[in-house]
Each structure stands twice: as structure tokens, then as C-alpha cells.
Protein backbone atom coordinates (compact mmCIF):
# COMPACT_ATOMS: atom_id res chain seq x y z
CA UNK A 1 6.36 -27.91 -38.28
CA UNK A 2 3.54 -27.53 -36.74
CA UNK A 3 2.08 -24.93 -35.16
CA UNK A 4 1.61 -23.81 -31.28
CA UNK A 5 -1.22 -25.31 -29.59
CA UNK A 6 -4.46 -23.70 -28.53
CA UNK A 7 -3.22 -24.01 -24.71
CA UNK A 8 0.21 -22.42 -26.15
CA UNK A 9 -1.28 -19.25 -27.61
CA UNK A 10 -3.74 -19.08 -24.36
CA UNK A 11 -0.79 -18.88 -22.23
CA UNK A 12 1.18 -16.78 -24.45
CA UNK A 13 -1.60 -14.06 -24.83
CA UNK A 14 -2.01 -14.00 -20.67
CA UNK A 15 1.54 -13.83 -20.18
CA UNK A 16 1.64 -10.84 -22.75
CA UNK A 17 -1.33 -9.65 -21.35
CA UNK A 18 0.09 -9.57 -17.55
CA UNK A 19 3.54 -7.36 -18.84
CA UNK A 20 1.64 -4.88 -20.99
CA UNK A 21 -1.76 -4.37 -19.49
CA UNK A 22 -0.33 -1.61 -16.61
CA UNK A 23 2.00 0.16 -18.61
CA UNK A 24 5.16 1.14 -16.27
CA UNK A 25 3.23 -0.63 -13.40
CA UNK A 26 4.18 -4.10 -12.71
CA UNK A 27 2.18 -7.33 -12.99
CA UNK A 28 0.32 -8.80 -10.26
CA UNK A 29 -1.93 -11.30 -9.80
CA UNK A 30 -4.32 -10.38 -7.00
CA UNK A 31 -7.59 -11.70 -5.62
CA UNK A 32 -10.87 -10.11 -7.70
CA UNK A 33 -13.66 -12.13 -6.43
CA UNK A 34 -15.50 -10.53 -4.10
CA UNK A 35 -18.03 -10.67 -1.60
CA UNK A 36 -21.63 -9.22 -1.69
CA UNK A 37 -23.70 -7.57 1.43
CA UNK A 38 -25.03 -9.62 4.32
CA UNK A 39 -29.13 -10.23 3.40
CA UNK A 40 -31.40 -8.45 5.34
CA UNK A 41 -35.16 -6.90 5.41
CA UNK A 42 -33.64 -3.72 5.81
CA UNK A 43 -30.98 -3.99 2.32
CA UNK A 44 -31.48 -0.89 0.28
CA UNK A 45 -33.64 1.28 2.86
CA UNK A 46 -31.50 4.40 2.32
CA UNK A 47 -31.67 4.20 -1.44
CA UNK A 48 -35.93 4.11 -1.27
CA UNK A 49 -36.43 6.65 1.90
CA UNK A 50 -33.81 8.78 1.69
CA UNK A 51 -32.72 8.65 -1.84
CA UNK A 52 -31.36 12.42 -2.04
CA UNK A 53 -29.08 11.68 0.31
CA UNK A 54 -27.86 7.95 -1.30
CA UNK A 55 -27.33 10.04 -4.08
CA UNK A 56 -25.50 12.40 -2.70
CA UNK A 57 -23.28 9.53 -1.29
CA UNK A 58 -22.65 7.95 -4.47
CA UNK A 59 -21.55 11.19 -6.12
CA UNK A 60 -18.84 11.60 -3.63
CA UNK A 61 -18.01 8.20 -3.95
CA UNK A 62 -17.64 9.41 -7.51
CA UNK A 63 -14.70 11.58 -6.93
CA UNK A 64 -13.30 9.10 -4.56
CA UNK A 65 -12.51 6.96 -6.81
CA UNK A 66 -11.34 9.34 -10.06
CA UNK A 67 -9.25 11.30 -7.33
CA UNK A 68 -6.90 7.77 -7.61
CA UNK A 69 -6.41 7.81 -11.65
CA UNK A 70 -6.01 11.42 -11.39
CA UNK A 71 -2.95 12.09 -9.33
CA UNK A 72 -0.96 8.91 -10.10
CA UNK A 73 -1.42 9.74 -13.92
CA UNK A 74 -0.73 14.14 -13.14
CA UNK A 75 2.53 15.56 -13.51
CA UNK A 76 2.99 17.34 -9.95
CA UNK A 77 4.15 20.10 -11.43
CA UNK A 78 0.39 20.76 -12.79
CA UNK A 79 -1.15 19.70 -9.53
CA UNK A 80 -2.52 23.43 -9.23
CA UNK A 81 -4.71 23.65 -12.39
CA UNK A 82 -6.41 19.93 -11.49
CA UNK A 83 -6.86 20.95 -8.32
CA UNK A 84 -9.02 23.83 -10.06
CA UNK A 85 -10.89 21.75 -13.05
CA UNK A 86 -10.96 18.40 -11.01
CA UNK A 87 -13.06 20.55 -7.61
CA UNK A 88 -15.44 22.13 -10.50
CA UNK A 89 -15.98 18.64 -11.96
CA UNK A 90 -16.58 16.87 -8.51
CA UNK A 91 -18.72 19.36 -7.38
CA UNK A 92 -20.85 19.66 -10.59
CA UNK A 93 -21.28 15.27 -9.38
CA UNK A 94 -22.85 16.24 -5.86
CA UNK A 95 -25.25 19.44 -7.31
CA UNK A 96 -26.56 16.55 -10.08
CA UNK A 97 -25.66 13.22 -8.28
CA UNK A 98 -25.71 10.11 -10.04
CA UNK A 99 -28.53 7.57 -9.16
CA UNK A 100 -26.55 4.48 -8.28
CA UNK A 101 -23.49 3.60 -6.77
CA UNK A 102 -20.43 3.40 -8.72
CA UNK A 103 -17.66 0.90 -8.03
CA UNK A 104 -13.77 2.33 -7.67
CA UNK A 105 -12.54 0.71 -10.91
CA UNK A 106 -14.72 2.51 -13.46
CA UNK A 107 -12.97 5.85 -12.87
CA UNK A 108 -9.78 4.44 -12.09
CA UNK A 109 -8.97 1.87 -14.18
CA UNK A 110 -5.00 2.58 -13.92
CA UNK A 111 -4.74 2.11 -10.20
CA UNK A 112 -6.70 -0.77 -10.09
CA UNK A 113 -4.95 -2.54 -12.25
CA UNK A 114 -1.32 -1.54 -10.61
CA UNK A 115 -2.90 -2.06 -6.52
CA UNK A 116 -6.63 -3.46 -6.96
CA UNK A 117 -6.34 -4.78 -2.74
CA UNK A 118 -6.72 -0.57 -2.10
CA UNK A 119 -10.46 -0.97 -3.94
CA UNK A 120 -10.96 -3.52 -2.52
CA UNK A 121 -10.33 -2.14 0.97
CA UNK A 122 -12.40 0.77 0.01
CA UNK A 123 -15.57 -1.08 -1.45
CA UNK A 124 -15.91 -3.78 0.99
CA UNK A 125 -16.16 -0.64 3.48
CA UNK A 126 -18.98 1.16 1.29
CA UNK A 127 -21.06 -1.61 1.96
CA UNK A 128 -20.73 -1.94 5.59
CA UNK A 129 -21.55 2.08 5.02
CA UNK A 130 -24.42 1.39 2.78
CA UNK A 131 -25.83 -1.44 5.08
CA UNK A 132 -25.50 0.53 8.26
CA UNK A 133 -26.97 3.37 6.77
CA UNK A 134 -30.07 1.11 5.61
CA UNK A 135 -30.17 -0.36 9.16
CA UNK A 136 -31.23 2.72 10.69
CA UNK A 137 -33.38 3.79 8.05
CA UNK A 138 -35.46 0.64 7.77
CA UNK A 139 -38.79 1.52 9.88
CA UNK A 140 -39.63 -2.35 10.35
CA UNK A 141 -36.27 -2.49 13.21
CA UNK A 142 -37.90 -1.52 16.58
CA UNK A 143 -35.45 1.61 17.94
CA UNK A 144 -34.26 -1.16 20.60
CA UNK A 145 -32.94 -3.46 18.03
CA UNK A 146 -30.42 -1.36 16.20
CA UNK A 147 -27.66 -1.51 18.04
CA UNK A 148 -28.03 -5.19 17.27
CA UNK A 149 -28.76 -5.49 13.76
CA UNK A 150 -25.81 -2.83 13.57
CA UNK A 151 -23.67 -5.49 15.41
CA UNK A 152 -24.65 -7.69 12.94
CA UNK A 153 -23.65 -6.02 9.94
CA UNK A 154 -20.17 -5.19 11.95
CA UNK A 155 -19.12 -8.83 12.53
CA UNK A 156 -20.15 -9.33 8.66
CA UNK A 157 -17.61 -6.50 7.52
CA UNK A 158 -15.09 -8.15 9.85
CA UNK A 159 -15.27 -11.46 9.43
CA UNK A 160 -16.60 -11.94 5.74
CA UNK A 161 -13.19 -10.83 3.71
CA UNK A 162 -9.73 -11.52 3.52
CA UNK A 163 -7.74 -10.46 6.16
CA UNK A 164 -6.46 -6.96 5.86
CA UNK A 165 -9.26 -5.49 4.05
CA UNK A 166 -11.70 -4.41 6.66
CA UNK A 167 -10.72 -1.10 8.35
CA UNK A 168 -9.83 -1.58 11.99
CA UNK A 169 -12.98 -0.85 14.41
CA UNK A 170 -9.84 0.17 17.49
CA UNK A 171 -9.62 4.22 17.17
CA UNK A 172 -7.45 6.11 14.79
CA UNK A 173 -5.42 7.65 17.79
CA UNK A 174 -4.33 3.96 17.65
CA UNK A 175 -4.15 2.44 13.76
CA UNK A 176 -2.27 5.93 12.97
CA UNK A 177 0.77 5.39 15.25
CA UNK A 178 0.39 1.53 13.77
CA UNK A 179 0.98 3.14 10.69
CA UNK A 180 3.77 5.20 11.37
CA UNK A 181 4.04 7.23 8.51
CA UNK A 182 5.30 10.98 9.42
CA UNK A 183 8.26 10.45 8.41
CA UNK A 184 7.54 9.26 5.01
CA UNK A 185 8.15 11.46 1.98
CA UNK A 186 4.35 11.82 0.87
CA UNK A 187 3.21 12.80 4.32
CA UNK A 188 0.81 15.46 3.78
CA UNK A 189 1.25 15.80 -0.23
CA UNK A 190 -2.40 15.84 -1.06
CA UNK A 191 -3.65 18.61 1.76
CA UNK A 192 -0.46 20.74 0.60
CA UNK A 193 -0.83 20.64 -3.40
CA UNK A 194 -4.29 19.80 -3.78
CA UNK A 195 -6.14 21.78 -1.10
CA UNK A 196 -9.15 22.17 -3.20
CA UNK A 197 -9.96 18.68 -3.62
CA UNK A 198 -9.41 17.94 -0.42
CA UNK A 199 -12.22 20.35 0.72
CA UNK A 200 -14.03 18.38 -1.08
CA UNK A 201 -13.03 15.26 0.52
CA UNK A 202 -13.76 16.95 4.38
CA UNK A 203 -16.93 17.99 3.18
CA UNK A 204 -17.36 14.28 2.50
CA UNK A 205 -16.34 13.18 6.14
CA UNK A 206 -18.81 15.52 7.87
CA UNK A 207 -21.30 14.46 5.38
CA UNK A 208 -21.30 10.66 6.54
CA UNK A 209 -21.38 11.28 10.59
CA UNK A 210 -23.96 14.09 9.82
CA UNK A 211 -26.24 11.97 8.10
CA UNK A 212 -26.11 9.10 10.20
CA UNK A 213 -26.42 11.79 13.23
CA UNK A 214 -29.58 12.67 11.65
CA UNK A 215 -30.66 9.57 11.55
CA UNK A 216 -30.20 8.96 15.59
CA UNK A 217 -31.71 12.25 16.49
CA UNK A 218 -34.56 11.68 13.85
CA UNK A 219 -35.62 7.83 15.51
CA UNK A 220 -37.65 5.64 13.37
CA UNK A 221 -39.94 8.06 12.24
CA UNK A 222 -38.32 11.70 12.86
CA UNK A 223 -35.56 11.38 10.39
CA UNK A 224 -38.05 11.90 7.10
CA UNK A 225 -37.40 15.18 8.75
CA UNK A 226 -33.74 15.76 9.98
CA UNK A 227 -31.98 13.72 7.17
CA UNK A 228 -33.43 16.46 4.73
CA UNK A 229 -32.23 19.04 7.34
CA UNK A 230 -29.42 17.85 6.40
CA UNK A 231 -28.93 17.65 2.85
CA UNK A 232 -30.31 21.80 2.59
CA UNK A 233 -27.51 22.32 5.65
CA UNK A 234 -24.49 20.78 3.18
CA UNK A 235 -25.71 22.45 0.06
CA UNK A 236 -26.17 26.24 1.69
CA UNK A 237 -23.65 26.13 4.10
CA UNK A 238 -21.18 23.51 3.90
CA UNK A 239 -20.06 23.14 0.14
CA UNK A 240 -19.99 27.42 0.60
CA UNK A 241 -17.89 27.62 3.73
CA UNK A 242 -15.88 23.98 3.79
CA UNK A 243 -14.25 22.36 6.66
CA UNK A 244 -10.91 22.43 7.40
CA UNK A 245 -9.61 19.44 8.26
CA UNK A 246 -11.14 15.91 8.65
CA UNK A 247 -14.00 15.70 10.88
CA UNK A 248 -13.93 12.77 13.31
CA UNK A 249 -16.87 10.33 13.72
CA UNK A 250 -16.80 11.55 17.78
CA UNK A 251 -16.75 14.80 16.99
CA UNK A 252 -19.70 15.04 14.46
CA UNK A 253 -21.89 12.23 15.55
CA UNK A 254 -21.26 11.50 19.38
CA UNK A 255 -24.53 9.48 19.75
CA UNK A 256 -24.08 6.91 17.00
CA UNK A 257 -20.29 6.92 18.25
CA UNK A 258 -22.29 5.41 21.58
CA UNK A 259 -23.89 3.23 19.90
CA UNK A 260 -21.78 1.68 17.51
CA UNK A 261 -18.37 2.28 18.03
CA UNK A 262 -16.92 -0.02 16.32
CA UNK A 263 -18.30 1.06 13.08
CA UNK A 264 -17.66 4.64 13.80
CA UNK A 265 -14.27 3.66 13.93
CA UNK A 266 -14.14 2.11 10.92
CA UNK A 267 -15.56 4.95 8.84
CA UNK A 268 -12.73 7.16 10.41
CA UNK A 269 -10.37 4.18 9.57
CA UNK A 270 -12.16 4.00 5.97
CA UNK A 271 -11.53 7.98 5.40
CA UNK A 272 -7.96 8.56 6.69
CA UNK A 273 -7.08 5.91 3.98
CA UNK A 274 -8.74 7.56 1.52
CA UNK A 275 -6.31 10.55 2.18
CA UNK A 276 -2.83 8.47 2.40
CA UNK A 277 -3.22 6.86 -0.36
CA UNK A 278 -3.97 9.91 -2.56
CA UNK A 279 -0.76 11.17 -1.01
CA UNK A 280 1.03 8.30 -1.72
CA UNK A 281 -0.30 8.94 -5.43
CA UNK A 282 0.64 12.55 -5.41
CA UNK A 283 4.29 11.41 -4.34
CA UNK A 284 6.92 11.31 -7.60
CA UNK A 285 9.59 10.25 -6.04
CA UNK A 286 8.49 6.41 -6.36
CA UNK A 287 8.03 4.18 -8.79
CA UNK A 288 4.75 2.00 -8.84
CA UNK A 289 5.76 -0.96 -7.26
CA UNK A 290 6.77 1.08 -4.75
CA UNK A 291 3.90 2.80 -3.90
CA UNK A 292 1.95 -0.37 -4.25
CA UNK A 293 4.19 -1.89 -1.57
CA UNK A 294 4.14 1.27 0.77
CA UNK A 295 -0.01 1.37 0.12
CA UNK A 296 0.10 -2.60 1.39
CA UNK A 297 2.03 -1.76 3.94
CA UNK A 298 -0.65 1.02 5.40
CA UNK A 299 -3.68 -1.13 4.37
CA UNK A 300 -2.20 -3.79 6.55
CA UNK A 301 -1.59 -1.50 9.78
CA UNK A 302 -4.73 0.21 9.83
CA UNK A 303 -6.99 -3.42 9.20
CA UNK A 304 -8.71 -5.10 11.90
CA UNK A 305 -6.29 -7.07 14.31
CA UNK A 306 -7.89 -9.56 16.42
CA UNK A 307 -8.39 -7.91 20.07
CA UNK A 308 -8.75 -4.57 18.48
CA UNK A 309 -12.53 -4.27 19.72
CA UNK A 310 -11.28 -4.01 23.34
CA UNK A 311 -10.01 -0.64 22.12
CA UNK A 312 -13.24 0.40 20.61
CA UNK A 313 -14.39 2.32 23.10
CA UNK A 314 -10.90 3.76 23.77
CA UNK A 315 -11.89 7.96 23.24
CA UNK A 316 -13.57 10.79 24.87
CA UNK A 317 -16.27 12.71 22.93
CA UNK A 318 -15.79 16.65 22.96
CA UNK A 319 -19.49 17.51 22.44
CA UNK A 320 -22.25 15.40 23.61
CA UNK A 321 -25.30 17.08 21.98
CA UNK A 322 -24.16 17.97 18.64
CA UNK A 323 -26.98 18.73 16.07
CA UNK A 324 -26.26 17.35 12.88
CA UNK A 325 -28.73 20.43 11.25
CA UNK A 326 -26.08 23.36 12.33
CA UNK A 327 -23.26 23.83 11.31
CA UNK A 328 -20.95 26.26 13.93
CA UNK A 329 -17.84 27.44 13.74
CA UNK A 330 -15.41 24.58 15.06
CA UNK A 331 -16.77 22.17 12.64
CA UNK A 332 -15.07 24.72 10.01
CA UNK A 333 -12.05 25.12 11.82
CA UNK A 334 -8.70 23.24 11.09
CA UNK A 335 -8.39 22.29 14.73
CA UNK A 336 -9.90 19.57 16.27
CA UNK A 337 -9.45 15.91 16.90
CA UNK A 338 -6.94 15.16 13.88
CA UNK A 339 -4.61 17.96 14.87
CA UNK A 340 -4.95 16.81 18.63
CA UNK A 341 -3.83 13.12 17.41
CA UNK A 342 -0.70 14.67 15.27
CA UNK A 343 0.60 17.26 18.13
CA UNK A 344 0.77 13.56 20.86
CA UNK A 345 2.43 11.32 18.00
CA UNK A 346 5.07 14.16 17.26
CA UNK A 347 5.48 15.17 21.04
CA UNK A 348 6.04 11.21 21.26
CA UNK A 349 8.83 11.30 18.43
CA UNK A 350 10.34 13.66 19.65
CA UNK A 351 12.64 12.62 22.50
CA UNK A 352 13.72 9.85 20.32
CA UNK A 353 14.17 11.70 17.29
CA UNK A 354 15.34 14.77 18.34
CA UNK A 355 17.40 14.16 21.83
CA UNK A 356 19.43 17.40 21.87
CA UNK A 357 16.97 19.90 20.21
CA UNK A 358 16.74 23.09 22.05
CA UNK A 359 13.30 24.31 23.53
CA UNK A 360 13.02 26.74 20.23
CA UNK A 361 13.92 23.93 18.06
CA UNK A 362 10.87 21.65 19.27
CA UNK A 363 8.60 24.35 18.87
CA UNK A 364 9.85 24.99 15.68
CA UNK A 365 9.31 21.51 15.00
CA UNK A 366 5.23 21.43 16.19
CA UNK A 367 4.68 24.35 14.03
CA UNK A 368 5.91 23.30 10.89
CA UNK A 369 3.81 19.87 11.69
CA UNK A 370 0.54 22.24 11.94
CA UNK A 371 1.51 24.28 8.65
CA UNK A 372 1.78 20.51 6.80
CA UNK A 373 -1.41 19.59 8.46
CA UNK A 374 -3.75 22.73 7.36
CA UNK A 375 -5.12 23.17 3.86
CA UNK A 376 -2.37 24.74 1.03
CA UNK A 377 0.99 26.34 1.79
CA UNK A 378 1.44 28.82 4.22
CA UNK A 379 4.13 31.66 4.95
CA UNK A 380 7.02 29.76 6.34
CA UNK A 381 6.30 26.21 5.27
CA UNK A 382 8.02 23.82 3.71
CA UNK A 383 6.09 22.63 1.33
CA UNK A 384 7.77 19.05 0.61
CA UNK A 385 7.89 16.67 3.29
CA UNK A 386 7.84 16.69 7.17
CA UNK A 387 11.04 15.02 7.34
CA UNK A 388 13.12 17.79 5.46
CA UNK A 389 11.35 20.12 6.99
CA UNK A 390 12.13 18.96 10.82
CA UNK A 391 15.92 17.87 9.21
CA UNK A 392 16.31 21.75 8.09
CA UNK A 393 14.89 22.89 11.80
CA UNK A 394 16.96 20.34 13.52
CA UNK A 395 19.78 18.81 11.29
CA UNK A 396 20.91 15.90 13.66
CA UNK A 397 18.00 14.55 14.00
CA UNK A 398 17.88 10.92 14.09
CA UNK A 399 15.58 9.04 11.74
CA UNK A 400 15.87 5.64 10.84
CA UNK A 401 16.11 4.46 7.32
CA UNK A 402 12.59 2.30 7.69
CA UNK A 403 10.84 5.31 8.34
CA UNK A 404 11.51 6.88 5.21
CA UNK A 405 11.31 3.87 2.96
CA UNK A 406 8.55 2.74 1.04
CA UNK A 407 7.10 -1.19 2.06
CA UNK A 408 8.70 -0.80 5.26
CA UNK A 409 7.28 -0.13 9.20
CA UNK A 410 9.74 2.20 11.01
CA UNK A 411 9.29 -0.19 14.38
CA UNK A 412 10.82 1.72 16.92
CA UNK A 413 9.07 4.64 15.95
CA UNK A 414 5.71 2.63 15.87
CA UNK A 415 6.33 1.13 19.50
CA UNK A 416 6.91 4.58 21.05
CA UNK A 417 4.13 6.15 19.80
CA UNK A 418 1.84 2.97 21.11
CA UNK A 419 3.73 3.04 24.36
CA UNK A 420 2.69 6.98 24.56
CA UNK A 421 -0.57 6.31 23.52
CA UNK A 422 -0.98 3.10 26.12
CA UNK A 423 0.03 5.33 28.96
CA UNK A 424 -2.21 8.25 28.24
CA UNK A 425 -5.11 6.50 27.45
CA UNK A 426 -4.92 2.67 27.80
CA UNK A 427 -6.12 2.74 31.70
CA UNK A 428 -9.39 5.13 30.48
CA UNK A 429 -12.96 3.53 30.68
CA UNK A 430 -13.96 4.39 27.07
CA UNK A 431 -17.09 6.24 25.84
CA UNK A 432 -19.88 4.74 27.58
CA UNK A 433 -23.06 3.03 25.27
CA UNK A 434 -26.60 4.81 24.92
CA UNK A 435 -30.30 3.73 25.91
CA UNK A 436 -31.95 2.96 22.48
CA UNK A 437 -35.23 2.16 24.77
CA UNK A 438 -36.61 5.69 24.31
């Protein structure tokens, strides 16, 4: 009797790998080829001109990477010990940062295999980070042409990858409403149960826009002084007294946000995707397949959609003259643009979800939202989901099943919140550009 052919053996081996490589995680064939960076005279300018700053970013991307597997494979009961130990490891990577940029799957191979599209979306946006830093760092591009070269990198980012991977150029005010995740059972799990690690990511979310703004105020020649000043500030003050919220681009880099609101919004949407992904992975109530379904739903909702470019300037700038070399109290505070967005979304949902709630119940609901939005667990805070906390405050609260299920978009909630945003901000003129001729 003849044995199996070579083709049969290969086919059988591939089938076996597909069935066992992820363990409990489902097998799924996903695209793994990528697209390289856009060629230009500026390539690697940040690496060569501001190497310490480049390496700090690489260190941050290390702990961004490793956090995925850590959360998925750690029992939630062990969260406090893991939060402490990984904070210490990540801080060492900032003090002694790597020399090159790690890919996501290097440190989180499990999640890479279970939901690789997440990593493709992140790494593609990290590429955009590097390209735009390079444009600003390269002396050979006249200052008056920085915007044109930055716009070139934005077009490349939006058009040279699979649909759904580029982050949106619309402001986070819009994409958070499109994601519709406030009633999901994982909402804010990461900042609740891993506050130390979350605070390190808040440092990263301060760092990236602070670096851009240091380049903006330094110009082509002066950034050799302004960038090292921001590096020094991070080590001396920011790491010691970390921000208590995710700082948005408009708060820390007002000049760069006026020059390229598209790029600033891309980075805000990436940073928020990081936090959402960590919360999904930390949540233990869903299988890996269900987590992937929800992850991909969020990725699509917060991705670039035709017409988003018309919304890119639809935000205001709280402070026009921020100096990234300083670290005032408002940067450290838990109150800011992100908390404002969340409060607005809650207020838009309340009439639909709590039509008979009393004024006291609504105040208690808002208080619970703000507590869940801050690091750790406060007195009077329900440490579970916002949905469960609100159900205890307003027992007859009305929430559709699609608002809580994995992979399901709460269409009515999303439409309600988007109408709310449109009524408040749809007619605004938007943030003006900035004169780059000086």
C-alpha cells in the first residue's frame, strides 16, 4: 500500500499547525505581508539627528508590544502583582532604551497569532510616527515645505494599506462615538486594574506630541536644543509625576496640530486603540474568538473612512502657546479633553438609556463615569464595568443587547452620539492653519 504523497503530508502538516498553533485561540488565516515606509530624503533623520529621542520611542513601543500577551495570558486575579512587576521592567527600558524599533509580534507572539490585524494596524501607524518625525528632523526640507512633505506622508499612510488599517484623520470626538464601547463589559478595565502600567502609557502619550512640538518651536536649526530639553524633562519630572489621563494632540502640540490636524488625529486614534485593546485583553468574560471579533469591530470603527478628512479640523485648541519643555499641573491632571469627550458622550446617551431617571440618579451616573475614567479604584467606585455600575444606580436603565455583546455595534447608541456631536460641533469652522514661512 502506497504511503501518503508529499503534497498530502504538507497539507496535513499545515492543517495541524492551523489547529494547534494558537492553543485555545481559533485559527484564522490573515494577511501578513506589509508595506514599507515611503522613500524620501528625510528617511531615518530622527534616528541620526535625535538618536536618544528615537530610542526612547523604541523603548515605549517595547512595552506597548509586550503588554498584549501579558494581559491575555495573566489571570485577572494576579493583576496587582503583574502591574507592579511590569511597571518596573518597562521603566528600565526607558532608562536604557533599545537601539532599534521592535515589531509588535516580537514580544507578544500569542496575540499576534490570535488577532494579527491588530498588530498590522499598530505597526503601520508607528511607521507614520517615524516618517513624520523624520520630515520634521531633516534639515534639507525648508521650513515652509514641512507641511507639504507631511501631507505626502499622510496620503501614503491612508492609501498604501488594506482598508481598515489606517487610523482615522477625524478627531477622537468622532471616532469614540463611532466605536460605541461605553456599555461594553471591558470598558476601562486596563486603567482600573493596571493603573501603574496605564500611567506609563500616559507618559508615552505625553512624549509623542511633546516631541513634535519641540521640533515645531525649534525650527530646522533650533530643535537641537529643544528636543534634548524635552528628553531631560521626561526623565526629571514626567516619569516621577506621571500624567493621570491620556493627553490629546491638541493639548500638547497645538502648533503641530494646526499644521497637520490629520496626523495629530491619527496619533490620538492610535493611542486610544492601545487602551481599548488592553482593556479587551484584560477582560476574562470572553473567549479569544469573541475578543478578536470585538477588537476588529473597534479597529474598523476607528479607521479612516471616506469623508473623514472633512472633519480633520473640527476641534478647538485649549491652549495655543504650550511650551513642551515645561510640565505644568494641568498636564498631570485627570481632567482634560478626554474626560470632556466622555462626559459629553454620557450626556448624549442618558435620555435614551435613562428616560425616567431622577436628577440624583443622573448625577450619580456621571460621578461613576468619572471615577471609572481615573486610574485605579476609588472609594465608592464599582470596580467592574460601567454598565453594571449604572444598572445598580438606575435599575430600569434601558440598554440594547448589541451594546454589550462582543463584535456587535450598538447602532442606536452610535447614531444618538453622532447626532449629539453634529449638533454641537458640526457647524464649527475648525482649527486654523499655521504660518510656516517664518
